[in-house]
PDB file of all heavy atoms in Angstrom:
ATOM      1  N   SER A   1     130.345  62.580  32.025  1.00  0.00           N
ATOM      2  CA  SER A   1     131.029  61.830  33.073  1.00  0.00           C
ATOM      3  C   SER A   1     132.332  62.530  33.411  1.00  0.00           C
ATOM      4  O   SER A   1     132.871  63.296  32.614  1.00  0.00           O
ATOM      5  CB  SER A   1     131.306  60.389  32.634  1.00  0.00           C
ATOM      6  OG  SER A   1     132.300  60.354  31.632  1.00  0.00           O
ATOM      7  N   ALA A   2     132.826  62.273  34.602  1.00  0.00           N
ATOM      8  CA  ALA A   2     134.126  62.780  35.028  1.00  0.00           C
ATOM      9  C   ALA A   2     134.803  61.704  35.852  1.00  0.00           C
ATOM     10  O   ALA A   2     134.150  60.999  36.630  1.00  0.00           O
ATOM     11  CB  ALA A   2     133.966  64.063  35.847  1.00  0.00           C
ATOM     12  N   SER A   3     136.113  61.574  35.667  1.00  0.00           N
ATOM     13  CA  SER A   3     136.870  60.543  36.369  1.00  0.00           C
ATOM     14  C   SER A   3     137.333  61.034  37.734  1.00  0.00           C
ATOM     15  O   SER A   3     137.736  62.185  37.885  1.00  0.00           O
ATOM     16  CB  SER A   3     138.095  60.130  35.540  1.00  0.00           C
ATOM     17  OG  SER A   3     137.695  59.491  34.354  1.00  0.00           O
ATOM     18  N   ILE A   4     137.275  60.146  38.698  1.00  0.00           N
ATOM     19  CA  ILE A   4     137.793  60.397  40.034  1.00  0.00           C
ATOM     20  C   ILE A   4     138.830  59.324  40.324  1.00  0.00           C
ATOM     21  O   ILE A   4     138.588  58.134  40.082  1.00  0.00           O
ATOM     22  CB  ILE A   4     136.676  60.335  41.099  1.00  0.00           C
ATOM     23  CG1 ILE A   4     135.566  61.324  40.771  1.00  0.00           C
ATOM     24  CG2 ILE A   4     137.233  60.581  42.496  1.00  0.00           C
ATOM     25  CD1 ILE A   4     135.963  62.766  40.851  1.00  0.00           C
ATOM     26  N   GLU A   5     139.980  59.725  40.822  1.00  0.00           N
ATOM     27  CA  GLU A   5     140.995  58.747  41.173  1.00  0.00           C
ATOM     28  C   GLU A   5     140.536  57.968  42.397  1.00  0.00           C
ATOM     29  O   GLU A   5     140.173  58.546  43.414  1.00  0.00           O
ATOM     30  CB  GLU A   5     142.328  59.427  41.446  1.00  0.00           C
ATOM     31  CG  GLU A   5     142.980  60.011  40.203  1.00  0.00           C
ATOM     32  CD  GLU A   5     144.329  60.611  40.501  1.00  0.00           C
ATOM     33  OE1 GLU A   5     144.794  60.479  41.656  1.00  0.00           O
ATOM     34  OE2 GLU A   5     144.918  61.218  39.590  1.00  0.00           O
ATOM     35  N   VAL A   6     140.557  56.661  42.281  1.00  0.00           N
ATOM     36  CA  VAL A   6     140.027  55.807  43.332  1.00  0.00           C
ATOM     37  C   VAL A   6     140.895  55.894  44.581  1.00  0.00           C
ATOM     38  O   VAL A   6     142.098  56.114  44.519  1.00  0.00           O
ATOM     39  CB  VAL A   6     139.934  54.347  42.835  1.00  0.00           C
ATOM     40  CG1 VAL A   6     141.316  53.742  42.658  1.00  0.00           C
ATOM     41  CG2 VAL A   6     139.101  53.511  43.778  1.00  0.00           C
ATOM     42  N   SER A   7     140.250  55.749  45.725  1.00  0.00           N
ATOM     43  CA  SER A   7     140.956  55.692  47.001  1.00  0.00           C
ATOM     44  C   SER A   7     140.626  54.372  47.662  1.00  0.00           C
ATOM     45  O   SER A   7     139.670  53.692  47.302  1.00  0.00           O
ATOM     46  CB  SER A   7     140.531  56.846  47.910  1.00  0.00           C
ATOM     47  OG  SER A   7     139.180  56.693  48.297  1.00  0.00           O
ATOM     48  N   ARG A   8     141.420  54.012  48.644  1.00  0.00           N
ATOM     49  CA  ARG A   8     141.089  52.813  49.408  1.00  0.00           C
ATOM     50  C   ARG A   8     139.785  53.036  50.150  1.00  0.00           C
ATOM     51  O   ARG A   8     139.441  54.154  50.533  1.00  0.00           O
ATOM     52  CB  ARG A   8     142.209  52.457  50.376  1.00  0.00           C
ATOM     53  CG  ARG A   8     142.599  53.546  51.333  1.00  0.00           C
ATOM     54  CD  ARG A   8     143.900  53.174  52.043  1.00  0.00           C
ATOM     55  NE  ARG A   8     143.711  52.028  52.911  1.00  0.00           N
ATOM     56  CZ  ARG A   8     143.739  52.096  54.233  1.00  0.00           C
ATOM     57  NH1 ARG A   8     143.939  53.250  54.834  1.00  0.00           N
ATOM     58  NH2 ARG A   8     143.579  51.025  54.967  1.00  0.00           N
ATOM     59  N   VAL A   9     139.039  51.988  50.349  1.00  0.00           N
ATOM     60  CA  VAL A   9     137.713  52.087  50.947  1.00  0.00           C
ATOM     61  C   VAL A   9     137.782  52.598  52.373  1.00  0.00           C
ATOM     62  O   VAL A   9     136.983  53.399  52.821  1.00  0.00           O
ATOM     63  CB  VAL A   9     137.007  50.717  50.911  1.00  0.00           C
ATOM     64  CG1 VAL A   9     135.654  50.793  51.607  1.00  0.00           C
ATOM     65  CG2 VAL A   9     136.831  50.260  49.485  1.00  0.00           C
ATOM     66  N   GLY A  10     138.731  52.150  53.120  1.00  0.00           N
ATOM     67  CA  GLY A  10     138.856  52.505  54.525  1.00  0.00           C
ATOM     68  C   GLY A  10     139.751  51.495  55.205  1.00  0.00           C
ATOM     69  O   GLY A  10     140.674  50.958  54.585  1.00  0.00           O
ATOM     70  N   ALA A  11     139.499  51.215  56.459  1.00  0.00           N
ATOM     71  CA  ALA A  11     140.263  50.195  57.149  1.00  0.00           C
ATOM     72  C   ALA A  11     140.118  48.859  56.431  1.00  0.00           C
ATOM     73  O   ALA A  11     139.131  48.613  55.739  1.00  0.00           O
ATOM     74  CB  ALA A  11     139.780  50.071  58.594  1.00  0.00           C
ATOM     75  N   GLN A  12     141.101  47.990  56.594  1.00  0.00           N
ATOM     76  CA  GLN A  12     141.104  46.725  55.881  1.00  0.00           C
ATOM     77  C   GLN A  12     139.844  45.913  56.149  1.00  0.00           C
ATOM     78  O   GLN A  12     139.297  45.262  55.254  1.00  0.00           O
ATOM     79  CB  GLN A  12     142.338  45.905  56.268  1.00  0.00           C
ATOM     80  CG  GLN A  12     142.472  44.592  55.505  1.00  0.00           C
ATOM     81  CD  GLN A  12     142.547  44.786  53.998  1.00  0.00           C
ATOM     82  OE1 GLN A  12     143.118  45.759  53.527  1.00  0.00           O
ATOM     83  NE2 GLN A  12     141.944  43.877  53.241  1.00  0.00           N
ATOM     84  N   THR A  13     139.341  45.959  57.385  1.00  0.00           N
ATOM     85  CA  THR A  13     138.130  45.202  57.704  1.00  0.00           C
ATOM     86  C   THR A  13     136.931  45.714  56.920  1.00  0.00           C
ATOM     87  O   THR A  13     136.059  44.944  56.541  1.00  0.00           O
ATOM     88  CB  THR A  13     137.832  45.286  59.206  1.00  0.00           C
ATOM     89  OG1 THR A  13     137.794  46.670  59.608  1.00  0.00           O
ATOM     90  CG2 THR A  13     138.894  44.567  60.019  1.00  0.00           C
ATOM     91  N   VAL A  14     136.896  47.034  56.660  1.00  0.00           N
ATOM     92  CA  VAL A  14     135.810  47.616  55.873  1.00  0.00           C
ATOM     93  C   VAL A  14     135.993  47.282  54.398  1.00  0.00           C
ATOM     94  O   VAL A  14     135.046  46.924  53.699  1.00  0.00           O
ATOM     95  CB  VAL A  14     135.737  49.139  56.094  1.00  0.00           C
ATOM     96  CG1 VAL A  14     134.683  49.752  55.191  1.00  0.00           C
ATOM     97  CG2 VAL A  14     135.441  49.449  57.550  1.00  0.00           C
ATOM     98  N   ALA A  15     137.223  47.402  53.906  1.00  0.00           N
ATOM     99  CA  ALA A  15     137.496  47.131  52.496  1.00  0.00           C
ATOM    100  C   ALA A  15     137.151  45.694  52.125  1.00  0.00           C
ATOM    101  O   ALA A  15     136.671  45.418  51.022  1.00  0.00           O
ATOM    102  CB  ALA A  15     138.963  47.420  52.191  1.00  0.00           C
ATOM    103  N   SER A  16     137.388  44.764  53.043  1.00  0.00           N
ATOM    104  CA  SER A  16     137.139  43.349  52.751  1.00  0.00           C
ATOM    105  C   SER A  16     135.739  42.895  53.157  1.00  0.00           C
ATOM    106  O   SER A  16     135.390  41.726  52.929  1.00  0.00           O
ATOM    107  CB  SER A  16     138.182  42.485  53.468  1.00  0.00           C
ATOM    108  OG  SER A  16     138.076  42.632  54.874  1.00  0.00           O
ATOM    109  N   ALA A  17     134.939  43.794  53.705  1.00  0.00           N
ATOM    110  CA  ALA A  17     133.615  43.414  54.210  1.00  0.00           C
ATOM    111  C   ALA A  17     132.755  42.681  53.181  1.00  0.00           C
ATOM    112  O   ALA A  17     132.122  41.671  53.502  1.00  0.00           O
ATOM    113  CB  ALA A  17     132.879  44.641  54.743  1.00  0.00           C
ATOM    114  N   PRO A  18     132.719  43.133  51.919  1.00  0.00           N
ATOM    115  CA  PRO A  18     131.837  42.440  50.959  1.00  0.00           C
ATOM    116  C   PRO A  18     132.356  41.073  50.518  1.00  0.00           C
ATOM    117  O   PRO A  18     131.639  40.346  49.839  1.00  0.00           O
ATOM    118  CB  PRO A  18     131.811  43.404  49.767  1.00  0.00           C
ATOM    119  CG  PRO A  18     132.322  44.706  50.277  1.00  0.00           C
ATOM    120  CD  PRO A  18     133.306  44.338  51.333  1.00  0.00           C
ATOM    121  N   PHE A  19     133.602  40.727  50.875  1.00  0.00           N
ATOM    122  CA  PHE A  19     134.244  39.542  50.322  1.00  0.00           C
ATOM    123  C   PHE A  19     134.696  38.590  51.440  1.00  0.00           C
ATOM    124  O   PHE A  19     135.866  38.600  51.835  1.00  0.00           O
ATOM    125  CB  PHE A  19     135.445  39.951  49.477  1.00  0.00           C
ATOM    126  CG  PHE A  19     135.146  41.054  48.482  1.00  0.00           C
ATOM    127  CD1 PHE A  19     135.707  42.319  48.631  1.00  0.00           C
ATOM    128  CD2 PHE A  19     134.290  40.830  47.420  1.00  0.00           C
ATOM    129  CE1 PHE A  19     135.438  43.328  47.733  1.00  0.00           C
ATOM    130  CE2 PHE A  19     134.009  41.841  46.505  1.00  0.00           C
ATOM    131  CZ  PHE A  19     134.571  43.091  46.669  1.00  0.00           C
ATOM    132  N   PRO A  20     133.805  37.753  51.940  1.00  0.00           N
ATOM    133  CA  PRO A  20     134.200  36.813  53.000  1.00  0.00           C
ATOM    134  C   PRO A  20     135.339  35.895  52.593  1.00  0.00           C
ATOM    135  O   PRO A  20     136.140  35.477  53.428  1.00  0.00           O
ATOM    136  CB  PRO A  20     132.916  36.028  53.269  1.00  0.00           C
ATOM    137  CG  PRO A  20     131.807  36.936  52.829  1.00  0.00           C
ATOM    138  CD  PRO A  20     132.366  37.678  51.656  1.00  0.00           C
ATOM    139  N   ASP A  21     135.427  35.545  51.303  1.00  0.00           N
ATOM    140  CA  ASP A  21     136.547  34.756  50.802  1.00  0.00           C
ATOM    141  C   ASP A  21     136.722  35.066  49.315  1.00  0.00           C
ATOM    142  O   ASP A  21     135.944  35.820  48.720  1.00  0.00           O
ATOM    143  CB  ASP A  21     136.339  33.253  51.048  1.00  0.00           C
ATOM    144  CG  ASP A  21     135.072  32.712  50.381  1.00  0.00           C
ATOM    145  OD1 ASP A  21     134.898  32.927  49.160  1.00  0.00           O
ATOM    146  OD2 ASP A  21     134.267  32.077  51.080  1.00  0.00           O
ATOM    147  N   ASP A  22     137.744  34.469  48.688  1.00  0.00           N
ATOM    148  CA  ASP A  22     138.064  34.793  47.297  1.00  0.00           C
ATOM    149  C   ASP A  22     136.965  34.398  46.318  1.00  0.00           C
ATOM    150  O   ASP A  22     136.914  34.905  45.195  1.00  0.00           O
ATOM    151  CB  ASP A  22     139.379  34.120  46.897  1.00  0.00           C
ATOM    152  CG  ASP A  22     140.590  34.834  47.473  1.00  0.00           C
ATOM    153  OD1 ASP A  22     140.430  35.974  47.938  1.00  0.00           O
ATOM    154  OD2 ASP A  22     141.682  34.231  47.466  1.00  0.00           O
ATOM    155  N   GLY A  23     136.096  33.508  46.725  1.00  0.00           N
ATOM    156  CA  GLY A  23     135.006  33.107  45.847  1.00  0.00           C
ATOM    157  C   GLY A  23     134.054  34.242  45.521  1.00  0.00           C
ATOM    158  O   GLY A  23     133.316  34.175  44.529  1.00  0.00           O
ATOM    159  N   TYR A  24     134.064  35.296  46.358  1.00  0.00           N
ATOM    160  CA  TYR A  24     133.195  36.451  46.158  1.00  0.00           C
ATOM    161  C   TYR A  24     133.819  37.496  45.223  1.00  0.00           C
ATOM    162  O   TYR A  24     133.188  38.507  44.947  1.00  0.00           O
ATOM    163  CB  TYR A  24     132.889  37.114  47.500  1.00  0.00           C
ATOM    164  CG  TYR A  24     131.960  36.338  48.409  1.00  0.00           C
ATOM    165  CD1 TYR A  24     132.377  35.183  49.053  1.00  0.00           C
ATOM    166  CD2 TYR A  24     130.660  36.782  48.647  1.00  0.00           C
ATOM    167  CE1 TYR A  24     131.533  34.477  49.901  1.00  0.00           C
ATOM    168  CE2 TYR A  24     129.806  36.084  49.490  1.00  0.00           C
ATOM    169  CZ  TYR A  24     130.252  34.929  50.111  1.00  0.00           C
ATOM    170  OH  TYR A  24     129.400  34.241  50.951  1.00  0.00           O
ATOM    171  N   ARG A  25     135.049  37.290  44.774  1.00  0.00           N
ATOM    172  CA  ARG A  25     135.802  38.348  44.099  1.00  0.00           C
ATOM    173  C   ARG A  25     135.853  38.204  42.571  1.00  0.00           C
ATOM    174  O   ARG A  25     136.742  38.744  41.919  1.00  0.00           O
ATOM    175  CB  ARG A  25     137.219  38.404  44.657  1.00  0.00           C
ATOM    176  CG  ARG A  25     137.287  38.814  46.124  1.00  0.00           C
ATOM    177  CD  ARG A  25     138.728  38.907  46.606  1.00  0.00           C
ATOM    178  NE  ARG A  25     138.830  39.295  48.004  1.00  0.00           N
ATOM    179  CZ  ARG A  25     138.893  40.549  48.452  1.00  0.00           C
ATOM    180  NH1 ARG A  25     138.863  41.547  47.573  1.00  0.00           N
ATOM    181  NH2 ARG A  25     138.989  40.809  49.738  1.00  0.00           N
ATOM    182  N   ALA A  26     134.905  37.499  41.974  1.00  0.00           N
ATOM    183  CA  ALA A  26     134.930  37.314  40.518  1.00  0.00           C
ATOM    184  C   ALA A  26     134.862  38.653  39.781  1.00  0.00           C
ATOM    185  O   ALA A  26     135.579  38.875  38.802  1.00  0.00           O
ATOM    186  CB  ALA A  26     133.776  36.406  40.088  1.00  0.00           C
ATOM    187  N   ALA A  27     134.007  39.563  40.229  1.00  0.00           N
ATOM    188  CA  ALA A  27     133.886  40.867  39.568  1.00  0.00           C
ATOM    189  C   ALA A  27     135.173  41.661  39.701  1.00  0.00           C
ATOM    190  O   ALA A  27     135.602  42.331  38.757  1.00  0.00           O
ATOM    191  CB  ALA A  27     132.720  41.652  40.170  1.00  0.00           C
ATOM    192  N   GLU A  28     135.791  41.593  40.863  1.00  0.00           N
ATOM    193  CA  GLU A  28     137.051  42.295  41.078  1.00  0.00           C
ATOM    194  C   GLU A  28     138.114  41.802  40.095  1.00  0.00           C
ATOM    195  O   GLU A  28     138.866  42.592  39.515  1.00  0.00           O
ATOM    196  CB  GLU A  28     137.507  42.079  42.521  1.00  0.00           C
ATOM    197  CG  GLU A  28     138.605  43.005  42.987  1.00  0.00           C
ATOM    198  CD  GLU A  28     138.908  42.806  44.451  1.00  0.00           C
ATOM    199  OE1 GLU A  28     139.356  41.697  44.822  1.00  0.00           O
ATOM    200  OE2 GLU A  28     138.690  43.738  45.241  1.00  0.00           O
ATOM    201  N   ARG A  29     138.159  40.492  39.883  1.00  0.00           N
ATOM    202  CA  ARG A  29     139.122  39.933  38.936  1.00  0.00           C
ATOM    203  C   ARG A  29     138.780  40.350  37.502  1.00  0.00           C
ATOM    204  O   ARG A  29     139.681  40.618  36.696  1.00  0.00           O
ATOM    205  CB  ARG A  29     139.161  38.411  39.060  1.00  0.00           C
ATOM    206  CG  ARG A  29     139.747  37.933  40.392  1.00  0.00           C
ATOM    207  CD  ARG A  29     140.053  36.439  40.356  1.00  0.00           C
ATOM    208  NE  ARG A  29     138.832  35.628  40.332  1.00  0.00           N
ATOM    209  CZ  ARG A  29     138.187  35.226  41.420  1.00  0.00           C
ATOM    210  NH1 ARG A  29     138.628  35.577  42.624  1.00  0.00           N
ATOM    211  NH2 ARG A  29     137.099  34.480  41.325  1.00  0.00           N
ATOM    212  N   ALA A  30     137.495  40.415  37.191  1.00  0.00           N
ATOM    213  CA  ALA A  30     137.089  40.823  35.845  1.00  0.00           C
ATOM    214  C   ALA A  30     137.497  42.265  35.560  1.00  0.00           C
ATOM    215  O   ALA A  30     138.067  42.571  34.503  1.00  0.00           O
ATOM    216  CB  ALA A  30     135.578  40.658  35.680  1.00  0.00           C
ATOM    217  N   PHE A  31     137.223  43.160  36.497  1.00  0.00           N
ATOM    218  CA  PHE A  31     137.542  44.573  36.300  1.00  0.00           C
ATOM    219  C   PHE A  31     139.054  44.798  36.235  1.00  0.00           C
ATOM    220  O   PHE A  31     139.517  45.750  35.613  1.00  0.00           O
ATOM    221  CB  PHE A  31     136.946  45.412  37.426  1.00  0.00           C
ATOM    222  CG  PHE A  31     135.533  45.872  37.178  1.00  0.00           C
ATOM    223  CD1 PHE A  31     134.490  44.963  37.152  1.00  0.00           C
ATOM    224  CD2 PHE A  31     135.241  47.211  36.965  1.00  0.00           C
ATOM    225  CE1 PHE A  31     133.181  45.375  36.929  1.00  0.00           C
ATOM    226  CE2 PHE A  31     133.942  47.633  36.734  1.00  0.00           C
ATOM    227  CZ  PHE A  31     132.899  46.708  36.720  1.00  0.00           C
ATOM    228  N   ALA A  32     139.816  43.940  36.902  1.00  0.00           N
ATOM    229  CA  ALA A  32     141.272  44.110  36.927  1.00  0.00           C
ATOM    230  C   ALA A  32     141.929  43.687  35.621  1.00  0.00           C
ATOM    231  O   ALA A  32     143.085  44.049  35.363  1.00  0.00           O
ATOM    232  CB  ALA A  32     141.863  43.310  38.084  1.00  0.00           C
ATOM    233  N   ALA A  33     141.220  42.937  34.785  1.00  0.00           N
ATOM    234  CA  ALA A  33     141.796  42.476  33.521  1.00  0.00           C
ATOM    235  C   ALA A  33     142.077  43.659  32.602  1.00  0.00           C
ATOM    236  O   ALA A  33     141.254  44.571  32.453  1.00  0.00           O
ATOM    237  CB  ALA A  33     140.850  41.488  32.838  1.00  0.00           C
ATOM    238  N   ALA A  34     143.229  43.666  31.987  1.00  0.00           N
ATOM    239  CA  ALA A  34     143.640  44.797  31.143  1.00  0.00           C
ATOM    240  C   ALA A  34     142.697  45.026  29.978  1.00  0.00           C
ATOM    241  O   ALA A  34     142.553  46.142  29.488  1.00  0.00           O
ATOM    242  CB  ALA A  34     145.063  44.559  30.634  1.00  0.00           C
ATOM    243  N   SER A  35     142.047  43.959  29.526  1.00  0.00           N
ATOM    244  CA  SER A  35     141.179  44.065  28.353  1.00  0.00           C
ATOM    245  C   SER A  35     139.708  44.323  28.707  1.00  0.00           C
ATOM    246  O   SER A  35     138.865  44.344  27.810  1.00  0.00           O
ATOM    247  CB  SER A  35     141.264  42.769  27.531  1.00  0.00           C
ATOM    248  OG  SER A  35     140.837  41.658  28.328  1.00  0.00           O
ATOM    249  N   PHE A  36     139.401  44.515  29.994  1.00  0.00           N
ATOM    250  CA  PHE A  36     137.987  44.640  30.377  1.00  0.00           C
ATOM    251  C   PHE A  36     137.344  45.844  29.698  1.00  0.00           C
ATOM    252  O   PHE A  36     136.256  45.761  29.156  1.00  0.00           O
ATOM    253  CB  PHE A  36     137.848  44.743  31.891  1.00  0.00           C
ATOM    254  CG  PHE A  36     136.412  44.679  32.365  1.00  0.00           C
ATOM    255  CD1 PHE A  36     135.704  43.489  32.297  1.00  0.00           C
ATOM    256  CD2 PHE A  36     135.773  45.791  32.875  1.00  0.00           C
ATOM    257  CE1 PHE A  36     134.383  43.415  32.724  1.00  0.00           C
ATOM    258  CE2 PHE A  36     134.458  45.730  33.303  1.00  0.00           C
ATOM    259  CZ  PHE A  36     133.767  44.536  33.226  1.00  0.00           C
ATOM    260  N   PHE A  37     138.017  47.000  29.762  1.00  0.00           N
ATOM    261  CA  PHE A  37     137.542  48.174  29.039  1.00  0.00           C
ATOM    262  C   PHE A  37     138.430  48.361  27.813  1.00  0.00           C
ATOM    263  O   PHE A  37     139.640  48.583  27.933  1.00  0.00           O
ATOM    264  CB  PHE A  37     137.608  49.428  29.916  1.00  0.00           C
ATOM    265  CG  PHE A  37     136.632  49.426  31.061  1.00  0.00           C
ATOM    266  CD1 PHE A  37     137.087  49.350  32.369  1.00  0.00           C
ATOM    267  CD2 PHE A  37     135.273  49.495  30.850  1.00  0.00           C
ATOM    268  CE1 PHE A  37     136.196  49.359  33.437  1.00  0.00           C
ATOM    269  CE2 PHE A  37     134.376  49.488  31.902  1.00  0.00           C
ATOM    270  CZ  PHE A  37     134.839  49.422  33.195  1.00  0.00           C
TER     271      PHE A  37
END
């Protein structure tokens, strides 16, 4: 494996496309937790 520094997805409308509201963001919150990895 090799690490790549993440970039923003694109325009804000594209970045938020998968998430119509905060109820869709459970995985995002999980990955953001300091203890996830």
